[in-house]
Structures are given as structure tokens and as C-alpha cells.
Amino acid sequence: MTIDKFGRFVSHTKTNLTAKRKSAEFPLTAEGDINAGKKRIKYVSDPTADQDCATKKYNDTKLASLQTNSLKQVEALDTKLENLKTYFQNELSNLKTIVYNIQTEASFLVKAI
């Protein structure tokens, strides 16, 4: 990495960096995998781009929100279905059928049972 006299990034060449903390090493490369050596990566931000990693808290919050919203949607749908059922039951009780005979041109009313 090249920096000019004003501290601005000028160019980048392929570099392998290793961060050392006491006896543990944490390899950082521009290409390839990052090996955390079975250690946690802490104090990271919530994802903003499609390919960002997500924290446990972010996922837990989204999952809880999804479950709550899904439950509310199911309850609302259940209420609508009950309303439709009641509506059609009422309509069936009021249903009357008119039969028209084409040959005699007579019509008569048949009440539903």
C-alpha cells in the first residue's frame, strides 16, 4: 500500500498482513479466507450491503420481528376467514332460487332449506 505525503491512499499491491495479539495470530489477506482461530470477532456493525456478515444480535432481532409479523398476519387472515364464513352462512340462510322454464316461460320461487 502506498501513501502520499498528505496521508492519502495512492496504490495497492497484493499484501498479506498478520495481526498479532499475544500468542495468537490472525491472518488477514486481500484474497482468501480469514481464519479467526476459533475466536470470536466482536464489536462489528450491522450489515448494510448484500454481502456483509451479520451479527447474532442482528439475526435474532430480525427473526423475532419476522415471527411477530408472521403471527399478526396469520391472526389477521384467520379473522378475515371467519368473517367470510359468517357472511356466507348468512347469505345461505337468505338464499332463494328462481327457476325459469324455457318451454312454458313460467318461473317460480324455490326457497332454500
PDB file of N, CA and C in Angstrom:
ATOM      1  N   MET A   1       0.861  -1.155   0.000  1.00  0.00           N
ATOM      2  CA  MET A   1       0.000   0.000   0.000  1.00  0.00           C
ATOM      3  C   MET A   1       0.910   1.220   0.000  1.00  0.00           C
ATOM      4  N   THR A   2       0.605   2.182  -0.844  1.00  0.00           N
ATOM      5  CA  THR A   2       1.402   3.397  -0.922  1.00  0.00           C
ATOM      6  C   THR A   2       0.569   4.581  -0.449  1.00  0.00           C
ATOM      7  N   ILE A   3       1.169   5.425   0.387  1.00  0.00           N
ATOM      8  CA  ILE A   3       0.504   6.614   0.931  1.00  0.00           C
ATOM      9  C   ILE A   3       1.333   7.829   0.534  1.00  0.00           C
ATOM     10  N   ASP A   4       0.672   8.890   0.065  1.00  0.00           N
ATOM     11  CA  ASP A   4       1.410  10.100  -0.296  1.00  0.00           C
ATOM     12  C   ASP A   4       1.702  10.940   0.949  1.00  0.00           C
ATOM     13  N   LYS A   5       2.384  12.074   0.770  1.00  0.00           N
ATOM     14  CA  LYS A   5       2.809  12.898   1.909  1.00  0.00           C
ATOM     15  C   LYS A   5       1.633  13.517   2.661  1.00  0.00           C
ATOM     16  N   PHE A   6       0.421  13.489   2.058  1.00  0.00           N
ATOM     17  CA  PHE A   6      -0.768  14.025   2.721  1.00  0.00           C
ATOM     18  C   PHE A   6      -1.552  12.931   3.453  1.00  0.00           C
ATOM     19  N   GLY A   7      -1.052  11.702   3.412  1.00  0.00           N
ATOM     20  CA  GLY A   7      -1.709  10.599   4.093  1.00  0.00           C
ATOM     21  C   GLY A   7      -2.807   9.943   3.279  1.00  0.00           C
ATOM     22  N   ARG A   8      -2.849  10.236   1.972  1.00  0.00           N
ATOM     23  CA  ARG A   8      -3.874   9.652   1.111  1.00  0.00           C
ATOM     24  C   ARG A   8      -3.374   8.347   0.504  1.00  0.00           C
ATOM     25  N   PHE A   9      -4.292   7.411   0.364  1.00  0.00           N
ATOM     26  CA  PHE A   9      -4.002   6.122  -0.252  1.00  0.00           C
ATOM     27  C   PHE A   9      -3.779   6.337  -1.744  1.00  0.00           C
ATOM     28  N   VAL A  10      -2.646   5.871  -2.259  1.00  0.00           N
ATOM     29  CA  VAL A  10      -2.315   6.086  -3.661  1.00  0.00           C
ATOM     30  C   VAL A  10      -2.433   4.805  -4.470  1.00  0.00           C
ATOM     31  N   SER A  11      -1.866   3.723  -4.034  1.00  0.00           N
ATOM     32  CA  SER A  11      -1.934   2.474  -4.784  1.00  0.00           C
ATOM     33  C   SER A  11      -1.882   1.301  -3.816  1.00  0.00           C
ATOM     34  N   HIS A  12      -2.235   0.148  -4.341  1.00  0.00           N
ATOM     35  CA  HIS A  12      -2.269  -1.049  -3.501  1.00  0.00           C
ATOM     36  C   HIS A  12      -1.637  -2.202  -4.264  1.00  0.00           C
ATOM     37  N   THR A  13      -0.796  -2.921  -3.601  1.00  0.00           N
ATOM     38  CA  THR A  13      -0.258  -4.147  -4.174  1.00  0.00           C
ATOM     39  C   THR A  13      -0.702  -5.293  -3.281  1.00  0.00           C
ATOM     40  N   LYS A  14      -0.704  -6.498  -3.831  1.00  0.00           N
ATOM     41  CA  LYS A  14      -1.149  -7.662  -3.070  1.00  0.00           C
ATOM     42  C   LYS A  14      -0.273  -7.814  -1.826  1.00  0.00           C
ATOM     43  N   THR A  15      -0.931  -7.818  -0.678  1.00  0.00           N
ATOM     44  CA  THR A  15      -0.208  -7.868   0.585  1.00  0.00           C
ATOM     45  C   THR A  15      -0.876  -8.851   1.530  1.00  0.00           C
ATOM     46  N   ASN A  16      -0.087  -9.579   2.256  1.00  0.00           N
ATOM     47  CA  ASN A  16      -0.595 -10.416   3.334  1.00  0.00           C
ATOM     48  C   ASN A  16      -0.218  -9.755   4.647  1.00  0.00           C
ATOM     49  N   LEU A  17      -1.195  -9.539   5.492  1.00  0.00           N
ATOM     50  CA  LEU A  17      -0.961  -8.928   6.791  1.00  0.00           C
ATOM     51  C   LEU A  17      -1.261  -9.947   7.870  1.00  0.00           C
ATOM     52  N   THR A  18      -0.562  -9.854   8.959  1.00  0.00           N
ATOM     53  CA  THR A  18      -0.865 -10.707  10.098  1.00  0.00           C
ATOM     54  C   THR A  18      -0.965  -9.824  11.328  1.00  0.00           C
ATOM     55  N   ALA A  19      -2.113  -9.893  11.977  1.00  0.00           N
ATOM     56  CA  ALA A  19      -2.296  -9.146  13.214  1.00  0.00           C
ATOM     57  C   ALA A  19      -1.909 -10.076  14.353  1.00  0.00           C
ATOM     58  N   LYS A  20      -1.064  -9.598  15.250  1.00  0.00           N
ATOM     59  CA  LYS A  20      -0.623 -10.440  16.354  1.00  0.00           C
ATOM     60  C   LYS A  20      -1.195  -9.904  17.661  1.00  0.00           C
ATOM     61  N   ARG A  21      -1.695 -10.830  18.446  1.00  0.00           N
ATOM     62  CA  ARG A  21      -2.222 -10.482  19.771  1.00  0.00           C
ATOM     63  C   ARG A  21      -1.719 -11.542  20.731  1.00  0.00           C
ATOM     64  N   LYS A  22      -0.796 -11.162  21.547  1.00  0.00           N
ATOM     65  CA  LYS A  22      -0.157 -12.089  22.484  1.00  0.00           C
ATOM     66  C   LYS A  22       0.366 -13.292  21.705  1.00  0.00           C
ATOM     67  N   SER A  23      -0.130 -14.489  22.008  1.00  0.00           N
ATOM     68  CA  SER A  23       0.410 -15.671  21.336  1.00  0.00           C
ATOM     69  C   SER A  23      -0.398 -16.071  20.105  1.00  0.00           C
ATOM     70  N   ALA A  24      -1.522 -15.400  19.869  1.00  0.00           N
ATOM     71  CA  ALA A  24      -2.384 -15.785  18.748  1.00  0.00           C
ATOM     72  C   ALA A  24      -2.093 -14.926  17.529  1.00  0.00           C
ATOM     73  N   GLU A  25      -2.198 -15.536  16.364  1.00  0.00           N
ATOM     74  CA  GLU A  25      -2.068 -14.801  15.109  1.00  0.00           C
ATOM     75  C   GLU A  25      -3.396 -14.835  14.387  1.00  0.00           C
ATOM     76  N   PHE A  26      -3.701 -13.751  13.716  1.00  0.00           N
ATOM     77  CA  PHE A  26      -4.952 -13.615  12.975  1.00  0.00           C
ATOM     78  C   PHE A  26      -4.573 -13.196  11.561  1.00  0.00           C
ATOM     79  N   PRO A  27      -4.475 -14.150  10.603  1.00  0.00           N
ATOM     80  CA  PRO A  27      -4.033 -13.805   9.251  1.00  0.00           C
ATOM     81  C   PRO A  27      -5.090 -12.999   8.491  1.00  0.00           C
ATOM     82  N   LEU A  28      -4.682 -11.895   7.929  1.00  0.00           N
ATOM     83  CA  LEU A  28      -5.556 -11.051   7.119  1.00  0.00           C
ATOM     84  C   LEU A  28      -4.973 -10.973   5.722  1.00  0.00           C
ATOM     85  N   THR A  29      -5.728 -11.412   4.735  1.00  0.00           N
ATOM     86  CA  THR A  29      -5.244 -11.362   3.361  1.00  0.00           C
ATOM     87  C   THR A  29      -6.272 -10.679   2.484  1.00  0.00           C
ATOM     88  N   ALA A  30      -5.795 -10.089   1.403  1.00  0.00           N
ATOM     89  CA  ALA A  30      -6.695  -9.444   0.455  1.00  0.00           C
ATOM     90  C   ALA A  30      -7.501 -10.484  -0.307  1.00  0.00           C
ATOM     91  N   GLU A  31      -6.982 -11.685  -0.391  1.00  0.00           N
ATOM     92  CA  GLU A  31      -7.663 -12.765  -1.085  1.00  0.00           C
ATOM     93  C   GLU A  31      -7.719 -13.977  -0.166  1.00  0.00           C
ATOM     94  N   GLY A  32      -8.756 -14.759  -0.281  1.00  0.00           N
ATOM     95  CA  GLY A  32      -8.831 -15.982   0.501  1.00  0.00           C
ATOM     96  C   GLY A  32      -9.636 -15.824   1.776  1.00  0.00           C
ATOM     97  N   ASP A  33      -9.487 -16.810   2.649  1.00  0.00           N
ATOM     98  CA  ASP A  33     -10.276 -16.884   3.873  1.00  0.00           C
ATOM     99  C   ASP A  33      -9.625 -16.115   5.013  1.00  0.00           C
ATOM    100  N   ILE A  34     -10.441 -15.790   5.988  1.00  0.00           N
ATOM    101  CA  ILE A  34      -9.937 -15.230   7.240  1.00  0.00           C
ATOM    102  C   ILE A  34     -10.119 -16.311   8.288  1.00  0.00           C
ATOM    103  N   ASN A  35      -9.063 -16.663   8.965  1.00  0.00           N
ATOM    104  CA  ASN A  35      -9.113 -17.693   9.993  1.00  0.00           C
ATOM    105  C   ASN A  35      -9.048 -17.008  11.350  1.00  0.00           C
ATOM    106  N   ALA A  36     -10.139 -17.076  12.099  1.00  0.00           N
ATOM    107  CA  ALA A  36     -10.180 -16.437  13.412  1.00  0.00           C
ATOM    108  C   ALA A  36      -9.644 -17.355  14.501  1.00  0.00           C
ATOM    109  N   GLY A  37      -9.195 -18.528  14.136  1.00  0.00           N
ATOM    110  CA  GLY A  37      -8.599 -19.434  15.105  1.00  0.00           C
ATOM    111  C   GLY A  37      -9.525 -19.789  16.251  1.00  0.00           C
ATOM    112  N   LYS A  38     -10.795 -20.063  15.928  1.00  0.00           N
ATOM    113  CA  LYS A  38     -11.822 -20.426  16.916  1.00  0.00           C
ATOM    114  C   LYS A  38     -12.082 -19.319  17.935  1.00  0.00           C
ATOM    115  N   LYS A  39     -11.751 -18.092  17.591  1.00  0.00           N
ATOM    116  CA  LYS A  39     -12.008 -16.946  18.467  1.00  0.00           C
ATOM    117  C   LYS A  39     -13.186 -16.154  17.917  1.00  0.00           C
ATOM    118  N   ARG A  40     -13.818 -15.387  18.784  1.00  0.00           N
ATOM    119  CA  ARG A  40     -14.944 -14.556  18.357  1.00  0.00           C
ATOM    120  C   ARG A  40     -14.438 -13.269  17.718  1.00  0.00           C
ATOM    121  N   ILE A  41     -15.192 -12.765  16.770  1.00  0.00           N
ATOM    122  CA  ILE A  41     -14.956 -11.439  16.209  1.00  0.00           C
ATOM    123  C   ILE A  41     -16.010 -10.552  16.849  1.00  0.00           C
ATOM    124  N   LYS A  42     -15.584  -9.551  17.587  1.00  0.00           N
ATOM    125  CA  LYS A  42     -16.507  -8.763  18.406  1.00  0.00           C
ATOM    126  C   LYS A  42     -16.580  -7.310  17.936  1.00  0.00           C
ATOM    127  N   TYR A  43     -17.662  -6.646  18.359  1.00  0.00           N
ATOM    128  CA  TYR A  43     -17.884  -5.216  18.138  1.00  0.00           C
ATOM    129  C   TYR A  43     -17.911  -4.860  16.650  1.00  0.00           C
ATOM    130  N   VAL A  44     -18.714  -5.592  15.899  1.00  0.00           N
ATOM    131  CA  VAL A  44     -18.867  -5.305  14.473  1.00  0.00           C
ATOM    132  C   VAL A  44     -20.205  -4.607  14.235  1.00  0.00           C
ATOM    133  N   SER A  45     -20.302  -3.902  13.148  1.00  0.00           N
ATOM    134  CA  SER A  45     -21.519  -3.158  12.801  1.00  0.00           C
ATOM    135  C   SER A  45     -22.551  -4.070  12.161  1.00  0.00           C
ATOM    136  N   ASP A  46     -23.798  -3.614  12.158  1.00  0.00           N
ATOM    137  CA  ASP A  46     -24.855  -4.338  11.455  1.00  0.00           C
ATOM    138  C   ASP A  46     -24.593  -4.268   9.954  1.00  0.00           C
ATOM    139  N   PRO A  47     -25.021  -5.284   9.208  1.00  0.00           N
ATOM    140  CA  PRO A  47     -24.773  -5.297   7.764  1.00  0.00           C
ATOM    141  C   PRO A  47     -25.568  -4.215   7.037  1.00  0.00           C
ATOM    142  N   THR A  48     -24.969  -3.674   5.992  1.00  0.00           N
ATOM    143  CA  THR A  48     -25.663  -2.685   5.158  1.00  0.00           C
ATOM    144  C   THR A  48     -25.695  -3.107   3.693  1.00  0.00           C
ATOM    145  N   ALA A  49     -24.771  -3.965   3.284  1.00  0.00           N
ATOM    146  CA  ALA A  49     -24.717  -4.431   1.893  1.00  0.00           C
ATOM    147  C   ALA A  49     -25.071  -5.918   1.843  1.00  0.00           C
ATOM    148  N   ASP A  50     -25.450  -6.386   0.667  1.00  0.00           N
ATOM    149  CA  ASP A  50     -25.877  -7.776   0.497  1.00  0.00           C
ATOM    150  C   ASP A  50     -24.838  -8.794   0.955  1.00  0.00           C
ATOM    151  N   GLN A  51     -23.577  -8.524   0.757  1.00  0.00           N
ATOM    152  CA  GLN A  51     -22.530  -9.495   1.070  1.00  0.00           C
ATOM    153  C   GLN A  51     -21.888  -9.272   2.437  1.00  0.00           C
ATOM    154  N   ASP A  52     -22.431  -8.383   3.271  1.00  0.00           N
ATOM    155  CA  ASP A  52     -21.902  -8.156   4.619  1.00  0.00           C
ATOM    156  C   ASP A  52     -22.260  -9.318   5.538  1.00  0.00           C
ATOM    157  N   CYS A  53     -21.410  -9.571   6.499  1.00  0.00           N
ATOM    158  CA  CYS A  53     -21.719 -10.555   7.537  1.00  0.00           C
ATOM    159  C   CYS A  53     -22.708  -9.937   8.516  1.00  0.00           C
ATOM    160  N   ALA A  54     -23.482 -10.790   9.150  1.00  0.00           N
ATOM    161  CA  ALA A  54     -24.471 -10.308  10.113  1.00  0.00           C
ATOM    162  C   ALA A  54     -24.105 -10.792  11.507  1.00  0.00           C
ATOM    163  N   THR A  55     -24.366  -9.953  12.486  1.00  0.00           N
ATOM    164  CA  THR A  55     -24.108 -10.328  13.874  1.00  0.00           C
ATOM    165  C   THR A  55     -25.244 -11.202  14.395  1.00  0.00           C
ATOM    166  N   LYS A  56     -24.995 -11.899  15.475  1.00  0.00           N
ATOM    167  CA  LYS A  56     -26.020 -12.734  16.101  1.00  0.00           C
ATOM    168  C   LYS A  56     -27.202 -11.874  16.546  1.00  0.00           C
ATOM    169  N   LYS A  57     -26.926 -10.733  17.155  1.00  0.00           N
ATOM    170  CA  LYS A  57     -27.998  -9.854  17.633  1.00  0.00           C
ATOM    171  C   LYS A  57     -28.861  -9.374  16.465  1.00  0.00           C
ATOM    172  N   TYR A  58     -28.222  -9.006  15.359  1.00  0.00           N
ATOM    173  CA  TYR A  58     -28.959  -8.549  14.179  1.00  0.00           C
ATOM    174  C   TYR A  58     -29.895  -9.654  13.688  1.00  0.00           C
ATOM    175  N   ASN A  59     -29.372 -10.881  13.582  1.00  0.00           N
ATOM    176  CA  ASN A  59     -30.198 -12.006  13.125  1.00  0.00           C
ATOM    177  C   ASN A  59     -31.315 -12.322  14.107  1.00  0.00           C
ATOM    178  N   ASP A  60     -31.002 -12.315  15.396  1.00  0.00           N
ATOM    179  CA  ASP A  60     -32.022 -12.591  16.412  1.00  0.00           C
ATOM    180  C   ASP A  60     -33.144 -11.562  16.351  1.00  0.00           C
ATOM    181  N   THR A  61     -32.783 -10.288  16.195  1.00  0.00           N
ATOM    182  CA  THR A  61     -33.778  -9.210  16.122  1.00  0.00           C
ATOM    183  C   THR A  61     -34.648  -9.361  14.884  1.00  0.00           C
ATOM    184  N   LYS A  62     -34.026  -9.631  13.747  1.00  0.00           N
ATOM    185  CA  LYS A  62     -34.788  -9.800  12.506  1.00  0.00           C
ATOM    186  C   LYS A  62     -35.711 -11.009  12.587  1.00  0.00           C
ATOM    187  N   LEU A  63     -35.226 -12.108  13.164  1.00  0.00           N
ATOM    188  CA  LEU A  63     -36.037 -13.311  13.288  1.00  0.00           C
ATOM    189  C   LEU A  63     -37.231 -13.068  14.208  1.00  0.00           C
ATOM    190  N   ALA A  64     -37.003 -12.398  15.329  1.00  0.00           N
ATOM    191  CA  ALA A  64     -38.102 -12.103  16.259  1.00  0.00           C
ATOM    192  C   ALA A  64     -39.143 -11.218  15.594  1.00  0.00           C
ATOM    193  N   SER A  65     -38.684 -10.233  14.830  1.00  0.00           N
ATOM    194  CA  SER A  65     -39.594  -9.334  14.114  1.00  0.00           C
ATOM    195  C   SER A  65     -40.389 -10.104  13.068  1.00  0.00           C
ATOM    196  N   LEU A  66     -39.710 -10.995  12.355  1.00  0.00           N
ATOM    197  CA  LEU A  66     -40.370 -11.804  11.332  1.00  0.00           C
ATOM    198  C   LEU A  66     -41.426 -12.703  11.959  1.00  0.00           C
ATOM    199  N   GLN A  67     -41.090 -13.325  13.090  1.00  0.00           N
ATOM    200  CA  GLN A  67     -42.043 -14.203  13.768  1.00  0.00           C
ATOM    201  C   GLN A  67     -43.253 -13.415  14.254  1.00  0.00           C
ATOM    202  N   THR A  68     -43.022 -12.234  14.826  1.00  0.00           N
ATOM    203  CA  THR A  68     -44.120 -11.399  15.318  1.00  0.00           C
ATOM    204  C   THR A  68     -45.013 -10.962  14.170  1.00  0.00           C
ATOM    205  N   ASN A  69     -44.397 -10.491  13.079  1.00  0.00           N
ATOM    206  CA  ASN A  69     -45.178 -10.043  11.920  1.00  0.00           C
ATOM    207  C   ASN A  69     -45.947 -11.194  11.296  1.00  0.00           C
ATOM    208  N   SER A  70     -45.318 -12.363  11.200  1.00  0.00           N
ATOM    209  CA  SER A  70     -45.995 -13.525  10.617  1.00  0.00           C
ATOM    210  C   SER A  70     -47.190 -13.931  11.458  1.00  0.00           C
ATOM    211  N   LEU A  71     -47.031 -13.918  12.777  1.00  0.00           N
ATOM    212  CA  LEU A  71     -48.130 -14.275  13.670  1.00  0.00           C
ATOM    213  C   LEU A  71     -49.285 -13.287  13.518  1.00  0.00           C
ATOM    214  N   LYS A  72     -48.958 -12.000  13.427  1.00  0.00           N
ATOM    215  CA  LYS A  72     -50.007 -10.984  13.242  1.00  0.00           C
ATOM    216  C   LYS A  72     -50.729 -11.188  11.910  1.00  0.00           C
ATOM    217  N   GLN A  73     -49.980 -11.529  10.866  1.00  0.00           N
ATOM    218  CA  GLN A  73     -50.588 -11.753   9.555  1.00  0.00           C
ATOM    219  C   GLN A  73     -51.494 -12.975   9.576  1.00  0.00           C
ATOM    220  N   VAL A  74     -51.065 -14.032  10.248  1.00  0.00           N
ATOM    221  CA  VAL A  74     -51.890 -15.238  10.347  1.00  0.00           C
ATOM    222  C   VAL A  74     -53.163 -14.934  11.132  1.00  0.00           C
ATOM    223  N   GLU A  75     -53.036 -14.189  12.229  1.00  0.00           N
ATOM    224  CA  GLU A  75     -54.213 -13.836  13.028  1.00  0.00           C
ATOM    225  C   GLU A  75     -55.180 -12.972  12.217  1.00  0.00           C
ATOM    226  N   ALA A  76     -54.646 -12.019  11.441  1.00  0.00           N
ATOM    227  CA  ALA A  76     -55.497 -11.166  10.608  1.00  0.00           C
ATOM    228  C   ALA A  76     -56.196 -11.991   9.535  1.00  0.00           C
ATOM    229  N   LEU A  77     -55.477 -12.919   8.926  1.00  0.00           N
ATOM    230  CA  LEU A  77     -56.062 -13.786   7.909  1.00  0.00           C
ATOM    231  C   LEU A  77     -57.139 -14.675   8.519  1.00  0.00           C
ATOM    232  N   ASP A  78     -56.886 -15.191   9.707  1.00  0.00           N
ATOM    233  CA  ASP A  78     -57.865 -16.023  10.398  1.00  0.00           C
ATOM    234  C   ASP A  78     -59.148 -15.232  10.668  1.00  0.00           C
ATOM    235  N   THR A  79     -58.996 -13.981  11.082  1.00  0.00           N
ATOM    236  CA  THR A  79     -60.161 -13.120  11.327  1.00  0.00           C
ATOM    237  C   THR A  79     -60.943 -12.891  10.040  1.00  0.00           C
ATOM    238  N   LYS A  80     -60.236 -12.628   8.950  1.00  0.00           N
ATOM    239  CA  LYS A  80     -60.902 -12.406   7.659  1.00  0.00           C
ATOM    240  C   LYS A  80     -61.647 -13.661   7.207  1.00  0.00           C
ATOM    241  N   LEU A  81     -61.032 -14.822   7.401  1.00  0.00           N
ATOM    242  CA  LEU A  81     -61.694 -16.072   7.013  1.00  0.00           C
ATOM    243  C   LEU A  81     -62.944 -16.324   7.856  1.00  0.00           C
ATOM    244  N   GLU A  82     -62.877 -16.031   9.137  1.00  0.00           N
ATOM    245  CA  GLU A  82     -64.058 -16.175   9.998  1.00  0.00           C
ATOM    246  C   GLU A  82     -65.167 -15.230   9.549  1.00  0.00           C
ATOM    247  N   ASN A  83     -64.795 -14.005   9.186  1.00  0.00           N
ATOM    248  CA  ASN A  83     -65.781 -13.035   8.693  1.00  0.00           C
ATOM    249  C   ASN A  83     -66.432 -13.521   7.401  1.00  0.00           C
ATOM    250  N   LEU A  84     -65.625 -14.085   6.502  1.00  0.00           N
ATOM    251  CA  LEU A  84     -66.166 -14.627   5.247  1.00  0.00           C
ATOM    252  C   LEU A  84     -67.094 -15.801   5.513  1.00  0.00           C
ATOM    253  N   LYS A  85     -66.697 -16.663   6.429  1.00  0.00           N
ATOM    254  CA  LYS A  85     -67.524 -17.813   6.784  1.00  0.00           C
ATOM    255  C   LYS A  85     -68.883 -17.342   7.306  1.00  0.00           C
ATOM    256  N   THR A  86     -68.869 -16.371   8.206  1.00  0.00           N
ATOM    257  CA  THR A  86     -70.117 -15.824   8.755  1.00  0.00           C
ATOM    258  C   THR A  86     -70.957 -15.186   7.659  1.00  0.00           C
ATOM    259  N   TYR A  87     -70.313 -14.427   6.768  1.00  0.00           N
ATOM    260  CA  TYR A  87     -71.019 -13.769   5.673  1.00  0.00           C
ATOM    261  C   TYR A  87     -71.733 -14.798   4.798  1.00  0.00           C
ATOM    262  N   PHE A  88     -71.005 -15.845   4.393  1.00  0.00           N
ATOM    263  CA  PHE A  88     -71.607 -16.841   3.504  1.00  0.00           C
ATOM    264  C   PHE A  88     -72.669 -17.683   4.207  1.00  0.00           C
ATOM    265  N   GLN A  89     -72.494 -17.931   5.494  1.00  0.00           N
ATOM    266  CA  GLN A  89     -73.544 -18.638   6.234  1.00  0.00           C
ATOM    267  C   GLN A  89     -74.826 -17.807   6.263  1.00  0.00           C
ATOM    268  N   ASN A  90     -74.697 -16.510   6.471  1.00  0.00           N
ATOM    269  CA  ASN A  90     -75.864 -15.620   6.451  1.00  0.00           C
ATOM    270  C   ASN A  90     -76.497 -15.571   5.065  1.00  0.00           C
ATOM    271  N   GLU A  91     -75.660 -15.506   4.050  1.00  0.00           N
ATOM    272  CA  GLU A  91     -76.179 -15.465   2.682  1.00  0.00           C
ATOM    273  C   GLU A  91     -76.895 -16.766   2.332  1.00  0.00           C
ATOM    274  N   LEU A  92     -76.356 -17.899   2.768  1.00  0.00           N
ATOM    275  CA  LEU A  92     -77.007 -19.181   2.500  1.00  0.00           C
ATOM    276  C   LEU A  92     -78.368 -19.263   3.168  1.00  0.00           C
ATOM    277  N   SER A  93     -78.485 -18.718   4.361  1.00  0.00           N
ATOM    278  CA  SER A  93     -79.782 -18.772   5.047  1.00  0.00           C
ATOM    279  C   SER A  93     -80.815 -17.880   4.365  1.00  0.00           C
ATOM    280  N   ASN A  94     -80.367 -16.887   3.622  1.00  0.00           N
ATOM    281  CA  ASN A  94     -81.283 -15.985   2.914  1.00  0.00           C
ATOM    282  C   ASN A  94     -81.460 -16.348   1.446  1.00  0.00           C
ATOM    283  N   LEU A  95     -80.792 -17.405   1.030  1.00  0.00           N
ATOM    284  CA  LEU A  95     -80.775 -17.752  -0.388  1.00  0.00           C
ATOM    285  C   LEU A  95     -82.144 -18.207  -0.881  1.00  0.00           C
ATOM    286  N   LYS A  96     -82.521 -17.668  -1.995  1.00  0.00           N
ATOM    287  CA  LYS A  96     -83.751 -18.077  -2.676  1.00  0.00           C
ATOM    288  C   LYS A  96     -83.366 -18.330  -4.125  1.00  0.00           C
ATOM    289  N   THR A  97     -83.958 -19.343  -4.706  1.00  0.00           N
ATOM    290  CA  THR A  97     -83.628 -19.707  -6.075  1.00  0.00           C
ATOM    291  C   THR A  97     -84.829 -19.468  -6.969  1.00  0.00           C
ATOM    292  N   ILE A  98     -84.578 -18.824  -8.076  1.00  0.00           N
ATOM    293  CA  ILE A  98     -85.640 -18.643  -9.074  1.00  0.00           C
ATOM    294  C   ILE A  98     -85.359 -19.614 -10.205  1.00  0.00           C
ATOM    295  N   VAL A  99     -86.353 -20.436 -10.523  1.00  0.00           N
ATOM    296  CA  VAL A  99     -86.229 -21.407 -11.602  1.00  0.00           C
ATOM    297  C   VAL A  99     -87.079 -20.897 -12.754  1.00  0.00           C
ATOM    298  N   TYR A 100     -86.509 -20.896 -13.933  1.00  0.00           N
ATOM    299  CA  TYR A 100     -87.230 -20.414 -15.111  1.00  0.00           C
ATOM    300  C   TYR A 100     -87.297 -21.554 -16.113  1.00  0.00           C
ATOM    301  N   ASN A 101     -88.495 -21.874 -16.543  1.00  0.00           N
ATOM    302  CA  ASN A 101     -88.695 -22.942 -17.504  1.00  0.00           C
ATOM    303  C   ASN A 101     -88.808 -22.303 -18.880  1.00  0.00           C
ATOM    304  N   ILE A 102     -87.885 -22.633 -19.750  1.00  0.00           N
ATOM    305  CA  ILE A 102     -87.856 -22.026 -21.078  1.00  0.00           C
ATOM    306  C   ILE A 102     -89.078 -22.427 -21.902  1.00  0.00           C
ATOM    307  N   GLN A 103     -89.528 -23.671 -21.815  1.00  0.00           N
ATOM    308  CA  GLN A 103     -90.650 -24.138 -22.641  1.00  0.00           C
ATOM    309  C   GLN A 103     -91.961 -23.461 -22.249  1.00  0.00           C
ATOM    310  N   THR A 104     -92.226 -23.330 -20.973  1.00  0.00           N
ATOM    311  CA  THR A 104     -93.516 -22.763 -20.552  1.00  0.00           C
ATOM    312  C   THR A 104     -93.414 -21.279 -20.231  1.00  0.00           C
ATOM    313  N   GLU A 105     -92.219 -20.762 -20.208  1.00  0.00           N
ATOM    314  CA  GLU A 105     -91.948 -19.379 -19.842  1.00  0.00           C
ATOM    315  C   GLU A 105     -92.519 -19.041 -18.466  1.00  0.00           C
ATOM    316  N   ALA A 106     -92.559 -20.045 -17.622  1.00  0.00           N
ATOM    317  CA  ALA A 106     -93.053 -19.832 -16.261  1.00  0.00           C
ATOM    318  C   ALA A 106     -91.865 -19.812 -15.304  1.00  0.00           C
ATOM    319  N   SER A 107     -91.970 -19.032 -14.282  1.00  0.00           N
ATOM    320  CA  SER A 107     -90.929 -19.011 -13.261  1.00  0.00           C
ATOM    321  C   SER A 107     -91.575 -19.183 -11.902  1.00  0.00           C
ATOM    322  N   PHE A 108     -90.872 -19.780 -11.005  1.00  0.00           N
ATOM    323  CA  PHE A 108     -91.393 -19.939  -9.654  1.00  0.00           C
ATOM    324  C   PHE A 108     -90.228 -19.876  -8.671  1.00  0.00           C
ATOM    325  N   LEU A 109     -90.555 -19.618  -7.442  1.00  0.00           N
ATOM    326  CA  LEU A 109     -89.565 -19.422  -6.393  1.00  0.00           C
ATOM    327  C   LEU A 109     -89.424 -20.690  -5.570  1.00  0.00           C
ATOM    328  N   VAL A 110     -88.173 -21.115  -5.385  1.00  0.00           N
ATOM    329  CA  VAL A 110     -87.894 -22.264  -4.540  1.00  0.00           C
ATOM    330  C   VAL A 110     -87.068 -21.751  -3.373  1.00  0.00           C
ATOM    331  N   LYS A 111     -87.605 -21.903  -2.177  1.00  0.00           N
ATOM    332  CA  LYS A 111     -86.893 -21.420  -1.005  1.00  0.00           C
ATOM    333  C   LYS A 111     -85.870 -22.470  -0.574  1.00  0.00           C
ATOM    334  N   ALA A 112     -84.688 -22.010  -0.254  1.00  0.00           N
ATOM    335  CA  ALA A 112     -83.635 -22.914   0.202  1.00  0.00           C
ATOM    336  C   ALA A 112     -83.957 -23.426   1.590  1.00  0.00           C
ATOM    337  N   ILE A 113     -83.519 -24.630   1.859  1.00  0.00           N
ATOM    338  CA  ILE A 113     -83.776 -25.238   3.171  1.00  0.00           C
ATOM    339  C   ILE A 113     -82.657 -24.899   4.126  1.00  0.00           C
TER     340      ILE A 113
END
